[in-house]
Amino acid sequence: MNWKEQYKSFLWILGFFLFAYFMPIEDESFSAAIIAAFDLVRWYAQEHVILCLIPAFFIAGVIAVFVSQNAVIKYLGGKAKKWIAYSVAAVSGTFLAVCSCTVLPLFSGIHKRGAGLGPAIAFLYSGPAINILAIILTARVLGLELGIARIIGAVIFSVVIGLIMNFIYRKEENERQTAQLALPETEESRPLWQTAFHFFVLVAILVFANWGKPDTTAGFWYFIFDYKWILVSIFGILFSLSLIFILRLNKLYVGAGSVFVLIFALVWSHQPLIPFTVAIVILTLILTLSKGEPNEWLGETWGFTKQILPLLGAGVLVAGFLLGSADNGNGIIPNEWIVNLVGGNSLFSNFFASIVGAFMYFATLTEIPILQGLINAGMGKGPALALLLAGPALSLPNMLVIRSVIGTQKTAVFVGLVVIMSTLIGIIYGYFF
């Protein structure tokens, strides 16, 4: 009998028992934090899972099955020139409107296919930190200088943190690179442009389905928001064609499924989430009945779902309990404490803003109105930038999943680097502005 494992299980059970036994349920602040935790989980399930995470899981499955390991290694692995690898990883987030949790399946996918630790970490940070929507909204709502500082800081961060991680674990990465160099060159099962087209269509669906409402009812950004479901429908048609002509799926299955989704879209045009969900269910059924690569795609997608979704759920629950939700206010840590601790531009206020930002959960673009409220309540500009740099790229749920992919030590180093660099940049920015 492995007594170490048995004692580990015993300690988990004992900890849960003691928590349940001494749980101060009669305390109003504790009860409010419990409600806030479940409110955040409900909001996350309603607003984030179907439109954000599930498409991201399917995109990660595409990377795992249809993007060859040699292709990933060519641009992001040991065979790639560093300036190419880090450039590709650092700017990729500009084209993805994803949050710290939605980027996780994509990070897991490219790391699994052979991307080096440094470029993979750069991609992990850049994805949620520098998407173009967040940068534009930051500049418009919080000020041009803060928007510019955010994009410069985020691009530099992603590269510097990736290089530092690669340097710290250079021995392990050298061994991994040697193994990659020994891999034989394999022929692509289909032209690269076909795989790129299939990937692009899925990314477009993810981006437009999650296009946030701008603060004005005029201009290009609102035009995109107003017609976003029409755009999603257009890319949905292209996706059906890709399933037929690129993946060679059964035309009858895909055609019947597309007509079925179209009927739901016409009947429930005022509730686009319904036909979107139906489309996911039909795609799952078609891939289940298929063989070869399409079935493997579903298998990889399900693998990412099993690995990531439970950890995200637990992390969101804990984050809501500690820090509260938008609709139900404070968690067990009152918001007033946070505001009082991040005024001015001291080392402590910037460090505290980085820590709070690292553990809070921000959906795409939600960090901006939250930060606007904190600034109006007296938050300093330096801590504001520190939170902007640490917050969207990290969260408690995000950390739990990263740990399952690269291990506890590397996750701790990554989180520490983000917090330290956010603190330093916040101090520098607060000093000049």
Protein backbone atom coordinates (compact mmCIF):
# COMPACT_ATOMS: atom_id res chain seq x y z
CA MET A 1 0.00 0.00 0.00
CA ASN A 2 1.25 3.47 -0.95
CA TRP A 3 0.89 5.25 2.42
CA LYS A 4 1.90 8.61 0.95
CA GLU A 5 -1.07 8.57 -1.42
CA GLN A 6 -3.39 7.32 1.34
CA TYR A 7 -2.37 10.13 3.69
CA LYS A 8 -2.81 12.63 0.87
CA SER A 9 -6.39 11.45 0.37
CA PHE A 10 -6.95 11.47 4.14
CA LEU A 11 -5.75 15.07 4.44
CA TRP A 12 -8.12 16.19 1.66
CA ILE A 13 -11.04 14.48 3.41
CA LEU A 14 -9.99 15.90 6.79
CA GLY A 15 -9.66 19.39 5.36
CA PHE A 16 -13.12 19.26 3.80
CA PHE A 17 -14.60 17.90 7.05
CA LEU A 18 -13.05 20.67 9.16
CA PHE A 19 -14.22 23.31 6.69
CA ALA A 20 -17.76 21.93 6.74
CA TYR A 21 -17.74 21.52 10.55
CA PHE A 22 -16.62 25.07 11.32
CA MET A 23 -18.28 26.78 8.34
CA PRO A 24 -19.69 30.09 9.67
CA ILE A 25 -22.85 29.89 7.62
CA GLU A 26 -24.68 32.27 9.97
CA ASP A 27 -22.21 35.06 9.21
CA GLU A 28 -23.71 37.44 6.61
CA SER A 29 -20.42 38.17 4.84
CA PHE A 30 -19.66 34.46 4.53
CA SER A 31 -23.15 33.72 3.18
CA ALA A 32 -22.83 36.60 0.71
CA ALA A 33 -19.47 35.22 -0.47
CA ILE A 34 -21.03 31.77 -1.02
CA ILE A 35 -23.83 33.32 -3.08
CA ALA A 36 -21.32 35.41 -5.04
CA ALA A 37 -19.27 32.27 -5.77
CA PHE A 38 -22.23 30.41 -7.25
CA ASP A 39 -23.41 33.57 -9.03
CA LEU A 40 -20.02 33.81 -10.76
CA VAL A 41 -20.15 30.12 -11.71
CA ARG A 42 -23.66 30.55 -13.14
CA TRP A 43 -22.59 33.64 -15.09
CA TYR A 44 -19.54 31.78 -16.38
CA ALA A 45 -21.66 28.82 -17.50
CA GLN A 46 -24.26 31.02 -19.18
CA GLU A 47 -21.99 33.54 -20.86
CA HIS A 48 -18.68 31.86 -21.42
CA VAL A 49 -18.74 28.08 -21.84
CA ILE A 50 -20.87 27.61 -24.97
CA LEU A 51 -19.65 30.60 -26.98
CA CYS A 52 -16.00 30.73 -25.82
CA LEU A 53 -14.70 27.50 -24.37
CA ILE A 54 -16.39 24.89 -26.56
CA PRO A 55 -15.22 26.53 -29.83
CA ALA A 56 -11.77 26.87 -28.26
CA PHE A 57 -11.76 23.15 -27.43
CA PHE A 58 -12.60 22.31 -31.05
CA ILE A 59 -9.85 24.68 -32.27
CA ALA A 60 -7.39 22.99 -29.92
CA GLY A 61 -8.51 19.64 -31.34
CA VAL A 62 -7.76 20.93 -34.86
CA ILE A 63 -4.24 21.85 -33.72
CA ALA A 64 -3.74 18.45 -32.12
CA VAL A 65 -4.94 16.40 -35.11
CA PHE A 66 -4.73 18.39 -38.35
CA VAL A 67 -1.70 20.60 -37.68
CA SER A 68 1.34 18.39 -38.03
CA GLN A 69 3.91 18.27 -35.28
CA ASN A 70 6.58 19.26 -37.79
CA ALA A 71 4.63 22.41 -38.71
CA VAL A 72 4.41 23.51 -35.06
CA ILE A 73 8.07 22.70 -34.51
CA LYS A 74 8.97 24.62 -37.68
CA TYR A 75 7.53 27.90 -36.37
CA LEU A 76 7.44 27.50 -32.56
CA GLY A 77 9.76 24.63 -31.67
CA GLY A 78 13.46 24.01 -31.40
CA LYS A 79 13.92 24.01 -35.17
CA ALA A 80 12.58 27.55 -35.50
CA LYS A 81 14.68 30.69 -35.35
CA LYS A 82 14.02 32.44 -32.05
CA TRP A 83 12.97 35.73 -33.60
CA ILE A 84 10.38 33.91 -35.74
CA ALA A 85 9.08 31.76 -32.89
CA TYR A 86 8.68 34.61 -30.41
CA SER A 87 7.32 37.03 -33.03
CA VAL A 88 4.60 34.56 -34.07
CA ALA A 89 3.74 33.80 -30.44
CA ALA A 90 3.78 37.43 -29.26
CA VAL A 91 1.48 38.89 -31.93
CA SER A 92 -0.95 35.96 -32.18
CA GLY A 93 -3.13 37.35 -29.40
CA THR A 94 -3.88 40.42 -31.51
CA PHE A 95 -6.17 38.28 -33.66
CA LEU A 96 -7.88 36.34 -30.85
CA ALA A 97 -10.54 37.89 -28.60
CA VAL A 98 -9.95 35.34 -25.84
CA CYS A 99 -9.64 35.49 -22.07
CA SER A 100 -7.14 33.80 -19.76
CA CYS A 101 -9.25 30.62 -19.71
CA THR A 102 -10.25 30.40 -23.38
CA VAL A 103 -6.59 30.54 -24.46
CA LEU A 104 -5.75 27.46 -22.36
CA PRO A 105 -6.89 24.76 -24.81
CA LEU A 106 -4.93 26.49 -27.57
CA PHE A 107 -1.82 26.72 -25.37
CA SER A 108 -2.17 23.06 -24.38
CA GLY A 109 -2.58 22.10 -28.03
CA ILE A 110 0.53 23.84 -29.39
CA HIS A 111 2.64 22.70 -26.40
CA LYS A 112 1.50 19.12 -26.94
CA ARG A 113 2.44 19.33 -30.64
CA GLY A 114 6.01 20.38 -29.87
CA ALA A 115 6.13 24.14 -29.37
CA GLY A 116 9.07 25.21 -27.23
CA LEU A 117 8.32 26.26 -23.65
CA GLY A 118 9.34 29.88 -24.30
CA PRO A 119 7.18 30.49 -27.40
CA ALA A 120 4.29 28.54 -25.84
CA ILE A 121 4.44 30.74 -22.72
CA ALA A 122 4.67 33.87 -24.90
CA PHE A 123 1.51 32.72 -26.71
CA LEU A 124 -0.19 31.91 -23.39
CA TYR A 125 0.43 35.45 -22.14
CA SER A 126 -0.16 37.34 -25.39
CA GLY A 127 -3.46 35.63 -26.25
CA PRO A 128 -5.65 37.35 -23.64
CA ALA A 129 -3.35 40.32 -22.97
CA ILE A 130 -3.15 42.04 -26.37
CA ASN A 131 -6.27 41.17 -28.34
CA ILE A 132 -7.12 44.13 -30.55
CA LEU A 133 -10.58 44.72 -29.07
CA ALA A 134 -9.23 45.05 -25.54
CA ILE A 135 -6.47 47.44 -26.63
CA ILE A 136 -8.88 49.71 -28.52
CA LEU A 137 -11.44 49.74 -25.71
CA THR A 138 -8.71 50.44 -23.13
CA ALA A 139 -7.54 53.46 -25.11
CA ARG A 140 -11.08 54.79 -25.60
CA VAL A 141 -12.37 54.27 -22.05
CA LEU A 142 -9.26 54.59 -19.86
CA GLY A 143 -7.16 56.92 -22.00
CA LEU A 144 -4.84 56.72 -25.00
CA GLU A 145 -1.63 56.62 -22.94
CA LEU A 146 -2.87 53.65 -20.89
CA GLY A 147 -3.91 51.84 -24.07
CA ILE A 148 -0.49 52.38 -25.64
CA ALA A 149 1.29 51.38 -22.41
CA ARG A 150 -0.81 48.20 -22.28
CA ILE A 151 0.06 46.99 -25.76
CA ILE A 152 3.78 47.86 -25.45
CA GLY A 153 4.00 46.27 -22.03
CA ALA A 154 2.11 43.14 -23.10
CA VAL A 155 4.21 42.49 -26.22
CA ILE A 156 7.46 43.01 -24.30
CA PHE A 157 6.15 40.89 -21.42
CA SER A 158 5.25 37.94 -23.61
CA VAL A 159 8.70 37.82 -25.21
CA VAL A 160 10.73 38.53 -22.06
CA ILE A 161 8.81 36.06 -19.89
CA GLY A 162 9.07 33.42 -22.61
CA LEU A 163 12.83 33.95 -22.92
CA ILE A 164 13.31 33.82 -19.14
CA MET A 165 11.26 30.61 -18.86
CA ASN A 166 13.25 29.08 -21.70
CA PHE A 167 16.53 30.09 -20.01
CA ILE A 168 15.54 28.71 -16.60
CA TYR A 169 14.54 25.36 -18.10
CA ARG A 170 17.12 25.39 -20.89
CA LYS A 171 18.49 21.92 -20.05
CA GLU A 172 15.08 20.34 -20.33
CA GLU A 173 14.30 22.34 -23.47
CA ASN A 174 17.62 21.36 -25.07
CA GLU A 175 16.76 17.70 -24.51
CA ARG A 176 13.33 18.29 -25.99
CA GLN A 177 14.87 20.10 -28.96
CA THR A 178 17.29 17.23 -29.56
CA ALA A 179 14.38 14.80 -29.61
CA GLN A 180 12.55 17.06 -32.07
CA LEU A 181 15.54 17.23 -34.40
CA ALA A 182 15.55 13.43 -34.51
CA LEU A 183 11.94 13.33 -35.71
CA PRO A 184 11.60 12.25 -39.35
CA GLU A 185 9.98 14.64 -41.79
CA THR A 186 6.42 13.51 -42.47
CA GLU A 187 4.29 14.35 -45.47
CA GLU A 188 1.22 16.48 -44.89
CA SER A 189 -2.05 14.59 -45.34
CA ARG A 190 -3.54 17.66 -47.05
CA PRO A 191 -2.25 21.00 -48.37
CA LEU A 192 -1.39 23.51 -45.68
CA TRP A 193 -3.86 26.07 -47.06
CA GLN A 194 -6.75 23.67 -46.45
CA THR A 195 -5.83 23.17 -42.81
CA ALA A 196 -5.28 26.92 -42.45
CA PHE A 197 -8.70 27.64 -43.97
CA HIS A 198 -10.44 25.20 -41.62
CA PHE A 199 -8.60 26.70 -38.63
CA PHE A 200 -9.32 30.28 -39.74
CA VAL A 201 -13.05 29.62 -40.10
CA LEU A 202 -13.26 28.20 -36.57
CA VAL A 203 -11.29 31.14 -35.15
CA ALA A 204 -13.56 33.59 -36.98
CA ILE A 205 -16.63 31.94 -35.46
CA LEU A 206 -15.04 32.18 -32.01
CA VAL A 207 -14.11 35.85 -32.46
CA PHE A 208 -17.39 37.12 -33.91
CA ALA A 209 -19.64 35.06 -31.62
CA ASN A 210 -17.94 36.77 -28.67
CA TRP A 211 -17.75 40.28 -30.16
CA GLY A 212 -18.57 42.65 -27.28
CA LYS A 213 -20.91 45.61 -27.49
CA PRO A 214 -18.94 48.88 -27.78
CA ASP A 215 -19.79 51.94 -25.70
CA THR A 216 -21.19 53.77 -28.75
CA THR A 217 -23.98 52.94 -31.18
CA ALA A 218 -22.12 54.28 -34.21
CA GLY A 219 -18.97 53.42 -36.10
CA PHE A 220 -17.29 50.30 -37.43
CA TRP A 221 -17.04 48.40 -34.12
CA TYR A 222 -20.77 48.74 -33.44
CA PHE A 223 -21.50 47.75 -37.05
CA ILE A 224 -19.59 44.50 -36.46
CA PHE A 225 -21.48 43.95 -33.18
CA ASP A 226 -24.84 44.65 -34.82
CA TYR A 227 -24.21 42.13 -37.59
CA LYS A 228 -22.06 39.66 -35.67
CA TRP A 229 -24.53 36.76 -35.88
CA ILE A 230 -24.88 37.26 -39.62
CA LEU A 231 -21.08 37.04 -39.84
CA VAL A 232 -21.13 33.92 -37.64
CA SER A 233 -23.74 32.42 -40.01
CA ILE A 234 -21.57 33.17 -43.05
CA PHE A 235 -18.56 31.51 -41.45
CA GLY A 236 -20.85 28.67 -40.35
CA ILE A 237 -21.67 28.03 -44.02
CA LEU A 238 -17.97 28.11 -44.88
CA PHE A 239 -17.38 25.68 -42.00
CA SER A 240 -19.97 23.26 -43.46
CA LEU A 241 -18.24 23.46 -46.84
CA SER A 242 -14.90 22.81 -45.14
CA LEU A 243 -16.33 19.70 -43.46
CA ILE A 244 -17.47 18.38 -46.85
CA PHE A 245 -14.64 19.34 -49.20
CA ILE A 246 -11.61 19.45 -46.89
CA LEU A 247 -12.36 16.85 -44.20
CA ARG A 248 -14.41 14.73 -46.63
CA LEU A 249 -17.25 14.12 -44.20
CA ASN A 250 -20.52 12.52 -45.31
CA LYS A 251 -22.33 15.09 -47.47
CA LEU A 252 -25.77 13.84 -46.40
CA TYR A 253 -24.92 14.18 -42.70
CA VAL A 254 -23.41 17.66 -43.08
CA GLY A 255 -26.16 18.88 -45.43
CA ALA A 256 -28.99 17.62 -43.21
CA GLY A 257 -27.30 19.03 -40.12
CA SER A 258 -26.83 22.44 -41.78
CA VAL A 259 -30.51 22.58 -42.77
CA PHE A 260 -31.49 21.62 -39.22
CA VAL A 261 -29.36 24.44 -37.76
CA LEU A 262 -30.79 26.88 -40.32
CA ILE A 263 -34.34 26.03 -39.22
CA PHE A 264 -33.44 26.66 -35.59
CA ALA A 265 -31.74 29.94 -36.58
CA LEU A 266 -34.88 31.14 -38.36
CA VAL A 267 -37.27 30.09 -35.58
CA TRP A 268 -35.10 31.34 -32.71
CA SER A 269 -33.44 34.29 -34.46
CA HIS A 270 -33.89 36.38 -31.29
CA GLN A 271 -31.99 33.74 -29.25
CA PRO A 272 -28.88 32.90 -31.30
CA LEU A 273 -27.42 30.81 -28.49
CA ILE A 274 -30.00 28.09 -29.24
CA PRO A 275 -29.01 27.42 -32.90
CA PHE A 276 -25.34 27.83 -31.90
CA THR A 277 -25.77 25.07 -29.29
CA VAL A 278 -27.68 22.89 -31.77
CA ALA A 279 -24.80 23.31 -34.25
CA ILE A 280 -22.32 22.08 -31.63
CA VAL A 281 -24.48 19.03 -30.84
CA ILE A 282 -24.89 18.15 -34.53
CA LEU A 283 -21.16 18.57 -35.21
CA THR A 284 -20.43 16.25 -32.27
CA LEU A 285 -22.83 13.61 -33.62
CA ILE A 286 -21.37 13.81 -37.14
CA LEU A 287 -17.82 13.45 -35.85
CA THR A 288 -18.92 10.55 -33.64
CA LEU A 289 -20.26 8.70 -36.70
CA SER A 290 -17.14 9.47 -38.74
CA LYS A 291 -13.87 7.57 -38.89
CA GLY A 292 -10.23 8.52 -39.16
CA GLU A 293 -9.04 12.08 -38.54
CA PRO A 294 -12.51 13.61 -37.95
CA ASN A 295 -13.19 11.10 -35.18
CA GLU A 296 -9.73 11.74 -33.75
CA TRP A 297 -10.55 15.47 -33.79
CA LEU A 298 -13.56 14.82 -31.58
CA GLY A 299 -11.43 12.62 -29.30
CA GLU A 300 -8.80 15.31 -28.83
CA THR A 301 -11.51 17.94 -28.25
CA TRP A 302 -13.07 15.77 -25.56
CA GLY A 303 -9.64 15.18 -24.04
CA PHE A 304 -9.04 18.93 -23.66
CA THR A 305 -12.55 19.33 -22.24
CA LYS A 306 -12.01 16.67 -19.57
CA GLN A 307 -8.65 18.10 -18.62
CA ILE A 308 -9.59 21.77 -18.46
CA LEU A 309 -13.28 22.29 -17.72
CA PRO A 310 -13.42 20.73 -14.20
CA LEU A 311 -10.39 22.75 -13.06
CA LEU A 312 -11.88 25.93 -14.49
CA GLY A 313 -15.17 25.31 -12.70
CA ALA A 314 -13.42 24.81 -9.37
CA GLY A 315 -11.21 27.84 -9.92
CA VAL A 316 -14.12 30.13 -10.84
CA LEU A 317 -16.00 28.98 -7.72
CA VAL A 318 -13.03 29.79 -5.46
CA ALA A 319 -12.38 33.13 -7.23
CA GLY A 320 -16.02 34.13 -6.75
CA PHE A 321 -15.90 33.20 -3.07
CA LEU A 322 -12.73 35.23 -2.46
CA LEU A 323 -13.38 38.26 -4.67
CA GLY A 324 -17.11 38.23 -5.42
CA SER A 325 -19.01 38.70 -8.67
CA ALA A 326 -20.25 41.67 -10.68
CA ASP A 327 -23.90 41.22 -9.67
CA ASN A 328 -23.50 40.13 -6.05
CA GLY A 329 -20.69 42.41 -4.90
CA ASN A 330 -18.04 41.41 -2.42
CA GLY A 331 -16.58 38.03 -1.81
CA ILE A 332 -15.03 37.16 1.51
CA ILE A 333 -12.42 39.86 0.73
CA PRO A 334 -14.32 43.21 0.61
CA ASN A 335 -13.80 45.37 -2.49
CA GLU A 336 -13.23 48.39 -0.24
CA TRP A 337 -10.06 46.80 1.08
CA ILE A 338 -8.74 46.40 -2.46
CA VAL A 339 -9.48 50.01 -3.41
CA ASN A 340 -7.80 51.31 -0.22
CA LEU A 341 -4.70 49.23 -0.93
CA VAL A 342 -4.09 50.30 -4.55
CA GLY A 343 -4.12 54.07 -4.26
CA GLY A 344 -0.97 56.04 -5.09
CA ASN A 345 2.08 54.56 -6.79
CA SER A 346 4.00 52.82 -4.04
CA LEU A 347 5.81 49.51 -4.46
CA PHE A 348 3.17 47.86 -2.27
CA SER A 349 0.18 49.27 -4.17
CA ASN A 350 1.58 48.11 -7.52
CA PHE A 351 2.52 44.70 -6.12
CA PHE A 352 -0.90 44.29 -4.52
CA ALA A 353 -2.65 45.28 -7.78
CA SER A 354 -0.57 42.69 -9.63
CA ILE A 355 -1.44 39.98 -7.09
CA VAL A 356 -5.15 40.81 -7.12
CA GLY A 357 -5.16 40.98 -10.93
CA ALA A 358 -3.35 37.65 -11.19
CA PHE A 359 -5.94 35.82 -9.07
CA MET A 360 -9.12 37.57 -10.25
CA TYR A 361 -10.98 36.21 -13.25
CA PHE A 362 -11.62 38.62 -16.14
CA ALA A 363 -13.67 37.59 -19.17
CA THR A 364 -12.61 39.29 -22.40
CA LEU A 365 -13.00 43.09 -22.08
CA THR A 366 -14.60 42.96 -18.59
CA GLU A 367 -11.38 44.15 -16.97
CA ILE A 368 -11.95 47.60 -18.49
CA PRO A 369 -15.23 48.60 -16.75
CA ILE A 370 -13.98 46.99 -13.52
CA LEU A 371 -10.78 48.99 -13.70
CA GLN A 372 -12.70 52.14 -14.59
CA GLY A 373 -14.67 51.75 -11.36
CA LEU A 374 -11.49 51.23 -9.34
CA ILE A 375 -9.82 54.28 -10.92
CA ASN A 376 -12.89 56.38 -10.13
CA ALA A 377 -12.66 55.13 -6.55
CA GLY A 378 -9.06 56.35 -6.24
CA MET A 379 -6.84 53.69 -7.79
CA GLY A 380 -3.47 55.03 -8.99
CA LYS A 381 -2.46 54.89 -12.66
CA GLY A 382 0.56 52.71 -11.95
CA PRO A 383 -1.44 50.02 -10.13
CA ALA A 384 -4.08 50.30 -12.87
CA LEU A 385 -1.53 49.33 -15.53
CA ALA A 386 -0.11 46.63 -13.25
CA LEU A 387 -3.56 45.09 -12.93
CA LEU A 388 -4.14 45.40 -16.69
CA LEU A 389 -0.91 43.52 -17.41
CA ALA A 390 -1.38 40.78 -14.80
CA GLY A 391 -5.17 40.44 -14.77
CA PRO A 392 -6.32 39.40 -18.27
CA ALA A 393 -3.38 37.01 -18.72
CA LEU A 394 -3.81 35.18 -15.40
CA SER A 395 -6.57 33.99 -13.09
CA LEU A 396 -6.95 31.37 -10.39
CA PRO A 397 -8.79 28.97 -12.75
CA ASN A 398 -6.15 29.61 -15.40
CA MET A 399 -3.32 28.72 -12.97
CA LEU A 400 -4.92 25.39 -12.07
CA VAL A 401 -5.05 24.34 -15.71
CA ILE A 402 -1.54 25.59 -16.56
CA ARG A 403 -0.27 23.46 -13.66
CA SER A 404 -1.86 20.38 -15.22
CA VAL A 405 -0.06 21.10 -18.51
CA ILE A 406 3.47 22.17 -17.50
CA GLY A 407 3.66 21.26 -13.79
CA THR A 408 3.61 23.10 -10.47
CA GLN A 409 7.12 24.54 -10.54
CA LYS A 410 6.92 26.05 -14.01
CA THR A 411 3.47 27.47 -13.27
CA ALA A 412 4.76 29.12 -10.09
CA VAL A 413 7.72 30.61 -11.99
CA PHE A 414 5.44 31.91 -14.75
CA VAL A 415 2.99 33.49 -12.28
CA GLY A 416 5.87 35.00 -10.30
CA LEU A 417 7.41 36.55 -13.41
CA VAL A 418 4.09 38.07 -14.48
CA VAL A 419 3.50 39.57 -11.01
CA ILE A 420 7.05 40.94 -10.65
CA MET A 421 7.18 42.47 -14.12
CA SER A 422 3.67 43.94 -13.79
CA THR A 423 4.74 45.55 -10.52
CA LEU A 424 7.90 47.07 -12.01
CA ILE A 425 6.17 48.40 -15.14
CA GLY A 426 3.36 49.81 -12.98
CA ILE A 427 5.85 51.74 -10.84
CA ILE A 428 7.66 53.13 -13.89
CA TYR A 429 4.41 54.13 -15.61
CA GLY A 430 2.98 55.68 -12.43
CA TYR A 431 6.17 57.72 -11.95
CA PHE A 432 5.94 59.33 -15.40
CA PHE A 433 2.16 59.64 -15.69
